[in-house]
Amino acid sequence: MKEISALLASGSARAIGAAIAAGEISALEATEWYLDRIERFDQGKDDINCVRTVSRLAREEARRADAALAAGQAAGPLHGVPYSDQR
């Protein structure tokens, strides 16, 4: 798990996408890892407060990405990689 945490903490979308495609980690596991970090660091005791909203559908979308991958329908090298954007 330490290797997976290091991979996810690196923020390399290509490396995370490759790990998801190789079955080393699922899109749902990656999503849960990032959601946990948001809760602990952004909205937790450190109260960084840099994430305005979190999609209610994040877990559902990750599950769909995993199902598509299992069916051989990956949408590209970033398939299933969780991301955030600024608006």
N, C-alpha and C. Protein backbone atom coordinates (compact mmCIF):
# COMPACT_ATOMS: atom_id res chain seq x y z
N MET A 1 0.82 -1.20 0.00
CA MET A 1 0.00 0.00 0.00
C MET A 1 0.86 1.26 0.00
N LYS A 2 2.05 1.18 0.63
CA LYS A 2 2.93 2.34 0.67
C LYS A 2 3.30 2.78 -0.75
N GLU A 3 3.59 1.81 -1.64
CA GLU A 3 3.93 2.14 -3.02
C GLU A 3 2.76 2.83 -3.72
N ILE A 4 1.56 2.34 -3.48
CA ILE A 4 0.37 2.94 -4.10
C ILE A 4 0.18 4.35 -3.57
N SER A 5 0.35 4.56 -2.27
CA SER A 5 0.22 5.90 -1.71
C SER A 5 1.25 6.84 -2.31
N ALA A 6 2.48 6.36 -2.49
CA ALA A 6 3.52 7.19 -3.11
C ALA A 6 3.15 7.54 -4.54
N LEU A 7 2.62 6.56 -5.26
CA LEU A 7 2.19 6.79 -6.64
C LEU A 7 1.11 7.86 -6.69
N LEU A 8 0.09 7.72 -5.86
CA LEU A 8 -1.02 8.67 -5.87
C LEU A 8 -0.59 10.04 -5.38
N ALA A 9 0.30 10.08 -4.40
CA ALA A 9 0.79 11.36 -3.89
C ALA A 9 1.64 12.09 -4.93
N SER A 10 2.24 11.34 -5.85
CA SER A 10 3.09 11.96 -6.88
C SER A 10 2.28 12.86 -7.80
N GLY A 11 1.01 12.54 -7.96
CA GLY A 11 0.16 13.34 -8.83
C GLY A 11 0.40 13.12 -10.31
N SER A 12 1.20 12.12 -10.69
CA SER A 12 1.46 11.86 -12.10
C SER A 12 0.28 11.13 -12.72
N ALA A 13 -0.51 11.85 -13.51
CA ALA A 13 -1.70 11.26 -14.11
C ALA A 13 -1.35 10.09 -15.02
N ARG A 14 -0.26 10.20 -15.76
CA ARG A 14 0.13 9.09 -16.64
C ARG A 14 0.49 7.84 -15.84
N ALA A 15 1.24 8.02 -14.75
CA ALA A 15 1.63 6.87 -13.93
C ALA A 15 0.41 6.25 -13.25
N ILE A 16 -0.50 7.08 -12.78
CA ILE A 16 -1.72 6.57 -12.14
C ILE A 16 -2.57 5.84 -13.18
N GLY A 17 -2.70 6.41 -14.37
CA GLY A 17 -3.45 5.76 -15.44
C GLY A 17 -2.85 4.42 -15.82
N ALA A 18 -1.53 4.35 -15.86
CA ALA A 18 -0.86 3.09 -16.19
C ALA A 18 -1.11 2.05 -15.10
N ALA A 19 -1.10 2.48 -13.84
CA ALA A 19 -1.35 1.56 -12.72
C ALA A 19 -2.79 1.05 -12.75
N ILE A 20 -3.72 1.92 -13.10
CA ILE A 20 -5.13 1.50 -13.21
C ILE A 20 -5.28 0.52 -14.37
N ALA A 21 -4.68 0.82 -15.50
CA ALA A 21 -4.78 -0.06 -16.67
C ALA A 21 -4.15 -1.43 -16.40
N ALA A 22 -3.09 -1.45 -15.59
CA ALA A 22 -2.40 -2.71 -15.27
C ALA A 22 -3.08 -3.48 -14.15
N GLY A 23 -4.11 -2.89 -13.55
CA GLY A 23 -4.81 -3.57 -12.46
C GLY A 23 -4.10 -3.50 -11.13
N GLU A 24 -3.10 -2.62 -11.02
CA GLU A 24 -2.38 -2.46 -9.75
C GLU A 24 -3.23 -1.73 -8.72
N ILE A 25 -4.12 -0.90 -9.21
CA ILE A 25 -5.05 -0.15 -8.36
C ILE A 25 -6.31 0.09 -9.19
N SER A 26 -7.44 0.18 -8.54
CA SER A 26 -8.68 0.46 -9.28
C SER A 26 -8.94 1.96 -9.28
N ALA A 27 -9.77 2.38 -10.20
CA ALA A 27 -10.18 3.79 -10.24
C ALA A 27 -10.88 4.16 -8.93
N LEU A 28 -11.67 3.23 -8.40
CA LEU A 28 -12.37 3.50 -7.14
C LEU A 28 -11.38 3.66 -5.99
N GLU A 29 -10.37 2.81 -5.93
CA GLU A 29 -9.37 2.93 -4.87
C GLU A 29 -8.64 4.27 -4.96
N ALA A 30 -8.29 4.68 -6.17
CA ALA A 30 -7.62 5.96 -6.35
C ALA A 30 -8.54 7.11 -5.93
N THR A 31 -9.79 7.03 -6.33
CA THR A 31 -10.76 8.07 -5.96
C THR A 31 -10.94 8.15 -4.46
N GLU A 32 -11.08 7.00 -3.80
CA GLU A 32 -11.23 6.98 -2.34
C GLU A 32 -10.00 7.59 -1.66
N TRP A 33 -8.81 7.30 -2.19
CA TRP A 33 -7.58 7.82 -1.61
C TRP A 33 -7.59 9.35 -1.66
N TYR A 34 -7.94 9.91 -2.82
CA TYR A 34 -7.98 11.37 -2.94
C TYR A 34 -9.10 11.99 -2.11
N LEU A 35 -10.27 11.37 -2.07
CA LEU A 35 -11.36 11.90 -1.25
C LEU A 35 -10.97 11.91 0.23
N ASP A 36 -10.26 10.88 0.66
CA ASP A 36 -9.79 10.83 2.04
C ASP A 36 -8.82 11.97 2.32
N ARG A 37 -7.91 12.23 1.39
CA ARG A 37 -6.95 13.33 1.58
C ARG A 37 -7.66 14.68 1.62
N ILE A 38 -8.66 14.86 0.78
CA ILE A 38 -9.41 16.11 0.80
C ILE A 38 -10.06 16.29 2.17
N GLU A 39 -10.66 15.22 2.67
CA GLU A 39 -11.32 15.30 3.98
C GLU A 39 -10.32 15.58 5.09
N ARG A 40 -9.17 14.90 5.06
CA ARG A 40 -8.19 15.07 6.14
C ARG A 40 -7.47 16.41 6.10
N PHE A 41 -7.08 16.85 4.91
CA PHE A 41 -6.24 18.03 4.84
C PHE A 41 -6.98 19.31 4.47
N ASP A 42 -7.99 19.20 3.65
CA ASP A 42 -8.68 20.40 3.22
C ASP A 42 -9.81 20.78 4.16
N GLN A 43 -10.54 19.78 4.61
CA GLN A 43 -11.70 20.06 5.44
C GLN A 43 -11.53 19.53 6.84
N GLY A 44 -10.34 19.08 7.16
CA GLY A 44 -10.07 18.49 8.47
C GLY A 44 -9.34 19.44 9.38
N LYS A 45 -8.47 18.88 10.20
CA LYS A 45 -7.80 19.67 11.23
C LYS A 45 -6.90 20.76 10.66
N ASP A 46 -6.32 20.54 9.46
CA ASP A 46 -5.45 21.56 8.87
C ASP A 46 -6.25 22.67 8.20
N ASP A 47 -7.48 22.38 7.82
CA ASP A 47 -8.42 23.35 7.26
C ASP A 47 -7.79 24.24 6.19
N ILE A 48 -7.18 23.62 5.19
CA ILE A 48 -6.56 24.36 4.10
C ILE A 48 -7.63 25.08 3.28
N ASN A 49 -8.78 24.43 3.11
CA ASN A 49 -9.94 25.02 2.45
C ASN A 49 -9.66 25.47 1.02
N CYS A 50 -9.06 24.60 0.22
CA CYS A 50 -8.81 24.95 -1.18
C CYS A 50 -9.70 24.17 -2.15
N VAL A 51 -10.47 23.22 -1.64
CA VAL A 51 -11.40 22.47 -2.48
C VAL A 51 -12.80 22.98 -2.19
N ARG A 52 -13.39 23.59 -3.19
CA ARG A 52 -14.69 24.22 -2.98
C ARG A 52 -15.82 23.20 -2.94
N THR A 53 -15.85 22.31 -3.92
CA THR A 53 -16.88 21.27 -3.96
C THR A 53 -16.27 19.94 -4.40
N VAL A 54 -16.89 18.87 -3.96
CA VAL A 54 -16.49 17.52 -4.36
C VAL A 54 -17.71 16.89 -5.02
N SER A 55 -17.51 16.31 -6.19
CA SER A 55 -18.62 15.71 -6.92
C SER A 55 -19.26 14.59 -6.12
N ARG A 56 -20.57 14.64 -6.01
CA ARG A 56 -21.31 13.55 -5.36
C ARG A 56 -21.20 12.28 -6.17
N LEU A 57 -20.86 12.42 -7.44
CA LEU A 57 -20.81 11.28 -8.35
C LEU A 57 -19.42 10.67 -8.49
N ALA A 58 -18.45 11.16 -7.75
CA ALA A 58 -17.07 10.70 -7.93
C ALA A 58 -16.94 9.18 -7.80
N ARG A 59 -17.52 8.62 -6.76
CA ARG A 59 -17.41 7.17 -6.56
C ARG A 59 -18.15 6.40 -7.65
N GLU A 60 -19.32 6.88 -8.02
CA GLU A 60 -20.10 6.22 -9.07
C GLU A 60 -19.34 6.25 -10.40
N GLU A 61 -18.74 7.38 -10.72
CA GLU A 61 -17.97 7.49 -11.96
C GLU A 61 -16.76 6.57 -11.93
N ALA A 62 -16.12 6.45 -10.77
CA ALA A 62 -14.97 5.55 -10.64
C ALA A 62 -15.40 4.10 -10.83
N ARG A 63 -16.55 3.73 -10.27
CA ARG A 63 -17.05 2.36 -10.46
C ARG A 63 -17.33 2.08 -11.94
N ARG A 64 -17.91 3.06 -12.62
CA ARG A 64 -18.18 2.90 -14.06
C ARG A 64 -16.88 2.75 -14.85
N ALA A 65 -15.87 3.53 -14.47
CA ALA A 65 -14.57 3.43 -15.14
C ALA A 65 -13.97 2.05 -14.94
N ASP A 66 -14.08 1.52 -13.72
CA ASP A 66 -13.56 0.18 -13.45
C ASP A 66 -14.32 -0.88 -14.25
N ALA A 67 -15.63 -0.73 -14.35
CA ALA A 67 -16.44 -1.69 -15.10
C ALA A 67 -16.08 -1.64 -16.59
N ALA A 68 -15.89 -0.45 -17.11
CA ALA A 68 -15.52 -0.32 -18.52
C ALA A 68 -14.15 -0.94 -18.78
N LEU A 69 -13.23 -0.73 -17.87
CA LEU A 69 -11.89 -1.31 -18.01
C LEU A 69 -11.98 -2.84 -17.98
N ALA A 70 -12.79 -3.37 -17.08
CA ALA A 70 -12.95 -4.83 -16.98
C ALA A 70 -13.56 -5.41 -18.25
N ALA A 71 -14.36 -4.60 -18.94
CA ALA A 71 -15.00 -5.04 -20.18
C ALA A 71 -14.12 -4.76 -21.41
N GLY A 72 -12.90 -4.29 -21.16
CA GLY A 72 -11.99 -4.00 -22.27
C GLY A 72 -12.30 -2.73 -23.02
N GLN A 73 -12.97 -1.79 -22.35
CA GLN A 73 -13.40 -0.56 -23.00
C GLN A 73 -12.73 0.67 -22.41
N ALA A 74 -11.43 0.59 -22.18
CA ALA A 74 -10.70 1.75 -21.65
C ALA A 74 -10.76 2.89 -22.66
N ALA A 75 -10.92 4.10 -22.17
CA ALA A 75 -11.09 5.27 -23.03
C ALA A 75 -9.78 5.99 -23.33
N GLY A 76 -8.66 5.43 -22.92
CA GLY A 76 -7.38 6.06 -23.18
C GLY A 76 -6.46 5.96 -21.99
N PRO A 77 -5.28 6.57 -22.06
CA PRO A 77 -4.28 6.40 -21.01
C PRO A 77 -4.65 7.02 -19.66
N LEU A 78 -5.62 7.91 -19.64
CA LEU A 78 -6.03 8.53 -18.37
C LEU A 78 -7.37 7.97 -17.87
N HIS A 79 -7.79 6.86 -18.45
CA HIS A 79 -9.07 6.24 -18.08
C HIS A 79 -9.09 5.92 -16.58
N GLY A 80 -10.07 6.47 -15.87
CA GLY A 80 -10.25 6.18 -14.45
C GLY A 80 -9.44 7.03 -13.51
N VAL A 81 -8.61 7.92 -14.04
CA VAL A 81 -7.76 8.75 -13.18
C VAL A 81 -8.60 9.88 -12.58
N PRO A 82 -8.66 9.98 -11.24
CA PRO A 82 -9.40 11.09 -10.62
C PRO A 82 -8.68 12.41 -10.90
N TYR A 83 -9.43 13.48 -10.98
CA TYR A 83 -8.81 14.79 -11.24
C TYR A 83 -9.63 15.89 -10.58
N SER A 84 -9.01 17.04 -10.49
CA SER A 84 -9.73 18.22 -10.01
C SER A 84 -9.52 19.33 -11.04
N ASP A 85 -10.41 20.30 -11.02
CA ASP A 85 -10.25 21.43 -11.93
C ASP A 85 -10.55 22.73 -11.20
N GLN A 86 -10.10 23.80 -11.80
CA GLN A 86 -10.37 25.12 -11.24
C GLN A 86 -11.37 25.82 -12.13
N ARG A 87 -12.32 26.44 -11.51
CA ARG A 87 -13.33 27.20 -12.28
C ARG A 87 -13.39 28.59 -11.77
